[in-house]
Amino acid sequence: MKIITDSCSDLTKEYLSKHEVTVLPMTITFGNESFRDGIDIDYDGFYSRLEKELPKTSQVGPFDFKEAFEKANDDILCITVSGKLSGTYQSACIAAEDFDNVCVIDSTQICIAEGILVEYAVSLMEQGLEFDTVCQKTKDKIADLRIIASVDTLEYLQKGGRLSKTAAAAGTLLSIKPVITCEEGEIKILGKARGYNKANNMLKEYVENNGIDFSMPFELAYSGNDRALLDQYINYSTDLYSGYNKELPIARIGSTIGTHAGPGAVGLAFFTKS
């Protein structure tokens, strides 16, 4: 059995190598230069370029999925970013039409939430469960997925056309930090916090209200080349993780979501207790 995903999942290279997960890269385009996410451009390089120019991101195409399916030569579970936010899921479905051994799942999520769903599927596979069982259990667990994040600056939401210049300017003046989630496959704003402390408090309250299942994969993440704001959040929310006796899992938000969030975003993805 083989598991395939896209680069929006933001899984670390160490994890991918250890568990032999295949990642198909999104395409990041700065001006006339195109890069395969995580292959031709790394996080440091991406965020350095982002400070000067807003790129465009492109979905993984059907041909890329078809090629990956052919190479796998095995039962394949393919997990993608939300189909409402990217054509990547549709590309995978088109490619899968020529195969009878491929299960394509729309995670309905983004970024590290997609990533921990992949981690869950990997854990099922490594338990030796049957292919159909792994697919069904993975689908069933989507309902328990949660993600929440605070955005440090409104600049990139404005540049990407998701916020007017007037609203962005007013929000910057008031030190507004939008707090967002992904529900039913779409990005939603939970609130607009004034300052870091209130943003951290909103993140903490969301986690407290939903409850992390520490027996399942979870992930903290930050965007940009500096994790200071993530460390600030962790220190603010120490009691939430007091019962977790391992090193906190931390990832960096990649280019697909980083393009719209910009540097300084802080996020957390987890499975809630059913």
Protein backbone atom coordinates (compact mmCIF):
# COMPACT_ATOMS: atom_id res chain seq x y z
CA MET A 1 0.00 0.00 0.00
CA LYS A 2 1.21 3.50 -0.86
CA ILE A 3 0.13 6.90 0.45
CA ILE A 4 0.33 9.98 -1.79
CA THR A 5 -0.45 13.58 -0.89
CA ASP A 6 0.27 17.11 -2.10
CA SER A 7 2.75 19.65 -0.76
CA CYS A 8 0.05 21.72 0.95
CA SER A 9 0.16 19.09 3.73
CA ASP A 10 3.46 20.65 4.96
CA LEU A 11 4.84 17.35 6.24
CA THR A 12 8.53 17.42 7.11
CA LYS A 13 11.08 15.79 4.83
CA GLU A 14 12.19 13.61 7.75
CA TYR A 15 8.65 12.27 8.21
CA LEU A 16 8.13 11.68 4.50
CA SER A 17 11.39 9.79 4.18
CA LYS A 18 10.83 7.68 7.29
CA HIS A 19 7.32 6.60 6.28
CA GLU A 20 7.83 6.56 2.50
CA VAL A 21 4.99 8.97 1.76
CA THR A 22 5.01 10.49 -1.74
CA VAL A 23 4.36 14.22 -2.01
CA LEU A 24 3.42 15.89 -5.28
CA PRO A 25 4.46 19.56 -5.33
CA MET A 26 2.30 22.57 -6.02
CA THR A 27 3.83 25.12 -8.39
CA ILE A 28 4.91 28.50 -7.04
CA THR A 29 5.42 31.29 -9.60
CA PHE A 30 7.29 34.52 -8.90
CA GLY A 31 7.04 36.68 -12.02
CA ASN A 32 8.37 34.52 -14.85
CA GLU A 33 10.04 31.98 -12.57
CA SER A 34 8.23 28.82 -11.55
CA PHE A 35 9.30 26.50 -8.73
CA ARG A 36 8.14 23.11 -7.51
CA ASP A 37 7.14 23.59 -3.90
CA GLY A 38 9.67 21.97 -1.57
CA ILE A 39 11.88 20.83 -4.45
CA ASP A 40 13.14 23.87 -6.37
CA ILE A 41 12.53 26.30 -3.51
CA ASP A 42 12.74 25.74 0.26
CA TYR A 43 10.97 27.59 3.06
CA ASP A 44 13.79 30.07 3.67
CA GLY A 45 14.01 30.94 0.01
CA PHE A 46 10.26 31.23 -0.37
CA TYR A 47 9.73 33.61 2.54
CA SER A 48 12.70 35.74 1.50
CA ARG A 49 11.13 36.13 -1.95
CA LEU A 50 7.68 36.71 -0.47
CA GLU A 51 8.87 39.88 1.25
CA LYS A 52 9.54 41.39 -2.20
CA GLU A 53 6.88 39.88 -4.44
CA LEU A 54 3.58 38.02 -4.13
CA PRO A 55 3.66 34.71 -6.06
CA LYS A 56 0.91 32.68 -7.64
CA THR A 57 0.25 29.09 -6.66
CA SER A 58 -0.94 26.36 -9.03
CA GLN A 59 -2.59 23.00 -8.34
CA VAL A 60 -1.09 19.60 -8.97
CA GLY A 61 -2.25 18.46 -12.42
CA PRO A 62 -3.88 15.15 -13.48
CA PHE A 63 -0.76 14.06 -15.39
CA ASP A 64 1.37 14.34 -12.23
CA PHE A 65 -1.07 12.17 -10.29
CA LYS A 66 -1.33 9.64 -13.10
CA GLU A 67 2.44 9.34 -13.28
CA ALA A 68 2.66 8.86 -9.51
CA PHE A 69 -0.11 6.24 -9.55
CA GLU A 70 1.68 4.29 -12.28
CA LYS A 71 4.99 4.35 -10.41
CA ALA A 72 3.43 3.18 -7.14
CA ASN A 73 2.34 -0.18 -8.59
CA ASP A 74 0.35 -0.90 -5.43
CA ASP A 75 -2.90 -0.04 -3.66
CA ILE A 76 -2.87 3.74 -3.33
CA LEU A 77 -4.49 6.09 -0.83
CA CYS A 78 -4.31 9.66 -2.10
CA ILE A 79 -5.15 12.49 0.33
CA THR A 80 -5.47 16.04 -0.99
CA VAL A 81 -6.01 19.61 0.14
CA SER A 82 -9.64 20.80 0.30
CA GLY A 83 -11.39 20.45 -3.04
CA LYS A 84 -13.23 23.74 -2.44
CA LEU A 85 -9.93 25.63 -2.23
CA SER A 86 -7.86 23.91 -4.92
CA GLY A 87 -8.35 21.94 -8.12
CA THR A 88 -5.82 19.39 -6.85
CA TYR A 89 -8.52 17.02 -5.56
CA GLN A 90 -10.29 17.09 -8.94
CA SER A 91 -6.96 16.42 -10.69
CA ALA A 92 -6.44 13.34 -8.52
CA CYS A 93 -9.98 12.10 -9.26
CA ILE A 94 -9.47 12.52 -13.01
CA ALA A 95 -6.20 10.58 -12.87
CA ALA A 96 -7.75 7.85 -10.69
CA GLU A 97 -10.40 7.07 -13.34
CA ASP A 98 -7.83 4.90 -15.13
CA PHE A 99 -7.02 2.84 -12.02
CA ASP A 100 -9.01 0.39 -9.90
CA ASN A 101 -6.53 0.40 -7.00
CA VAL A 102 -6.68 4.10 -6.05
CA CYS A 103 -8.75 5.69 -3.27
CA VAL A 104 -8.82 9.51 -3.42
CA ILE A 105 -9.86 11.40 -0.27
CA ASP A 106 -10.63 15.10 -0.04
CA SER A 107 -9.29 16.07 3.38
CA THR A 108 -11.58 19.14 3.33
CA GLN A 109 -8.64 20.79 5.07
CA ILE A 110 -5.45 22.75 4.49
CA CYS A 111 -1.87 22.79 5.62
CA ILE A 112 -1.04 20.90 8.82
CA ALA A 113 -4.64 19.65 9.22
CA GLU A 114 -4.28 17.83 5.92
CA GLY A 115 -0.87 16.69 7.17
CA ILE A 116 -2.09 15.07 10.37
CA LEU A 117 -4.81 13.24 8.43
CA VAL A 118 -2.02 11.77 6.31
CA GLU A 119 -0.16 10.83 9.51
CA TYR A 120 -3.27 9.07 10.81
CA ALA A 121 -3.62 7.12 7.56
CA VAL A 122 0.05 6.14 7.76
CA SER A 123 -0.44 4.85 11.31
CA LEU A 124 -3.35 2.69 10.15
CA MET A 125 -1.32 1.35 7.25
CA GLU A 126 1.62 0.52 9.51
CA GLN A 127 -0.73 -1.43 11.80
CA GLY A 128 -1.23 -3.77 8.87
CA LEU A 129 -4.92 -3.03 8.32
CA GLU A 130 -6.59 -3.90 5.02
CA PHE A 131 -6.58 -1.23 2.31
CA ASP A 132 -10.37 -0.70 2.34
CA THR A 133 -10.33 -0.40 6.13
CA VAL A 134 -7.59 2.23 6.07
CA CYS A 135 -9.52 4.25 3.48
CA GLN A 136 -12.79 4.10 5.41
CA LYS A 137 -11.28 4.89 8.81
CA THR A 138 -9.41 7.85 7.30
CA LYS A 139 -12.61 9.21 5.75
CA ASP A 140 -14.50 8.77 9.01
CA LYS A 141 -11.88 10.68 11.01
CA ILE A 142 -12.18 13.86 8.90
CA ALA A 143 -15.16 14.91 11.03
CA ASP A 144 -12.86 15.20 14.07
CA LEU A 145 -10.21 17.35 12.35
CA ARG A 146 -9.69 20.90 13.64
CA ILE A 147 -7.38 23.73 12.64
CA ILE A 148 -7.04 27.26 13.97
CA ALA A 149 -4.53 29.97 13.19
CA SER A 150 -3.82 33.63 13.84
CA VAL A 151 -2.45 35.87 11.09
CA ASP A 152 0.12 38.49 12.04
CA THR A 153 -0.38 40.89 9.15
CA LEU A 154 -3.27 41.75 6.83
CA GLU A 155 -0.87 42.74 4.05
CA TYR A 156 -0.88 39.41 2.21
CA LEU A 157 -4.63 38.88 2.46
CA GLN A 158 -4.99 42.30 0.86
CA LYS A 159 -2.39 41.61 -1.84
CA GLY A 160 -4.11 38.35 -2.68
CA GLY A 161 -7.44 40.12 -3.19
CA ARG A 162 -9.10 38.65 -0.11
CA LEU A 163 -9.29 41.97 1.74
CA SER A 164 -9.74 45.57 0.57
CA LYS A 165 -6.94 48.11 0.97
CA THR A 166 -9.16 50.19 3.25
CA ALA A 167 -9.97 47.26 5.54
CA ALA A 168 -6.32 46.18 5.59
CA ALA A 169 -5.13 49.68 6.48
CA ALA A 170 -7.71 50.04 9.25
CA GLY A 171 -6.86 46.59 10.62
CA THR A 172 -3.15 47.34 10.63
CA LEU A 173 -3.73 50.62 12.46
CA LEU A 174 -5.73 48.80 15.15
CA SER A 175 -3.22 45.90 15.31
CA ILE A 176 -5.92 43.44 14.22
CA LYS A 177 -4.91 39.77 14.13
CA PRO A 178 -7.52 37.69 12.27
CA VAL A 179 -8.12 34.24 13.75
CA ILE A 180 -9.18 31.73 11.11
CA THR A 181 -10.23 28.11 10.74
CA CYS A 182 -11.23 25.75 7.95
CA GLU A 183 -14.73 24.30 8.12
CA GLU A 184 -16.52 22.21 5.50
CA GLY A 185 -13.61 22.80 3.18
CA GLU A 186 -13.62 26.60 3.33
CA ILE A 187 -11.65 29.26 5.20
CA LYS A 188 -13.69 31.08 7.84
CA ILE A 189 -12.80 33.96 10.13
CA LEU A 190 -13.55 33.11 13.78
CA GLY A 191 -12.69 36.55 15.09
CA LYS A 192 -10.50 39.62 14.88
CA ALA A 193 -8.24 40.00 17.90
CA ARG A 194 -6.56 43.28 18.82
CA GLY A 195 -2.97 42.39 19.63
CA TYR A 196 -1.02 39.20 20.22
CA ASN A 197 -2.35 38.41 23.68
CA LYS A 198 -5.97 38.45 22.58
CA ALA A 199 -5.11 36.38 19.50
CA ASN A 200 -3.33 33.81 21.68
CA ASN A 201 -6.30 33.77 24.02
CA MET A 202 -8.67 33.03 21.12
CA LEU A 203 -6.46 30.15 20.01
CA LYS A 204 -6.32 28.80 23.53
CA GLU A 205 -10.09 29.03 24.05
CA TYR A 206 -10.75 27.23 20.77
CA VAL A 207 -8.51 24.34 21.82
CA GLU A 208 -10.07 24.19 25.29
CA ASN A 209 -13.59 24.13 23.84
CA ASN A 210 -12.78 21.35 21.35
CA GLY A 211 -10.28 19.27 23.36
CA ILE A 212 -7.17 17.72 21.84
CA ASP A 213 -7.01 13.96 21.52
CA PHE A 214 -3.31 13.45 22.35
CA SER A 215 -3.52 9.80 21.27
CA MET A 216 -3.85 11.09 17.70
CA PRO A 217 -1.44 13.14 15.57
CA PHE A 218 -1.41 16.89 16.17
CA GLU A 219 0.82 19.71 14.99
CA LEU A 220 1.82 23.26 15.85
CA ALA A 221 3.11 25.46 13.03
CA TYR A 222 4.38 28.89 12.11
CA SER A 223 4.98 30.80 8.89
CA GLY A 224 8.05 32.82 7.96
CA ASN A 225 11.68 32.47 8.92
CA ASP A 226 11.18 33.28 12.62
CA ARG A 227 9.20 31.16 15.12
CA ALA A 228 9.16 33.76 17.92
CA LEU A 229 5.37 34.26 17.73
CA LEU A 230 4.78 30.50 17.95
CA ASP A 231 7.00 30.32 21.03
CA GLN A 232 5.01 33.18 22.51
CA TYR A 233 1.78 31.25 21.95
CA ILE A 234 3.22 28.05 23.45
CA ASN A 235 4.35 29.93 26.58
CA TYR A 236 0.90 31.52 26.84
CA SER A 237 -0.81 28.11 26.58
CA THR A 238 1.56 25.91 28.58
CA ASP A 239 -1.24 24.33 30.63
CA LEU A 240 -2.89 22.95 27.48
CA TYR A 241 0.09 20.67 26.87
CA SER A 242 1.05 19.86 30.45
CA GLY A 243 -0.17 16.29 30.07
CA TYR A 244 1.78 15.73 26.86
CA ASN A 245 5.11 14.17 27.84
CA LYS A 246 6.81 14.31 24.43
CA GLU A 247 8.47 17.11 22.51
CA LEU A 248 5.79 19.28 20.89
CA PRO A 249 5.51 18.56 17.15
CA ILE A 250 6.29 21.75 15.23
CA ALA A 251 6.22 22.37 11.49
CA ARG A 252 6.56 25.35 9.19
CA ILE A 253 3.68 26.55 7.07
CA GLY A 254 4.69 26.18 3.45
CA SER A 255 4.26 28.29 0.36
CA THR A 256 0.69 27.29 -0.56
CA ILE A 257 -0.84 28.80 2.59
CA GLY A 258 2.12 31.11 3.34
CA THR A 259 1.37 33.06 0.16
CA HIS A 260 -1.94 34.20 1.63
CA ALA A 261 -1.10 34.28 5.34
CA GLY A 262 2.34 35.86 5.06
CA PRO A 263 5.01 35.49 7.74
CA GLY A 264 4.08 35.51 11.43
CA ALA A 265 1.09 33.18 11.30
CA VAL A 266 0.68 30.71 14.17
CA GLY A 267 -1.42 27.58 13.79
CA LEU A 268 -2.49 24.37 15.46
CA ALA A 269 -4.13 21.28 13.95
CA PHE A 270 -5.51 18.40 15.98
CA PHE A 271 -8.21 15.76 16.26
CA THR A 272 -10.89 16.58 18.78
CA LYS A 273 -12.07 13.95 21.24
CA SER A 274 -15.02 12.17 19.64
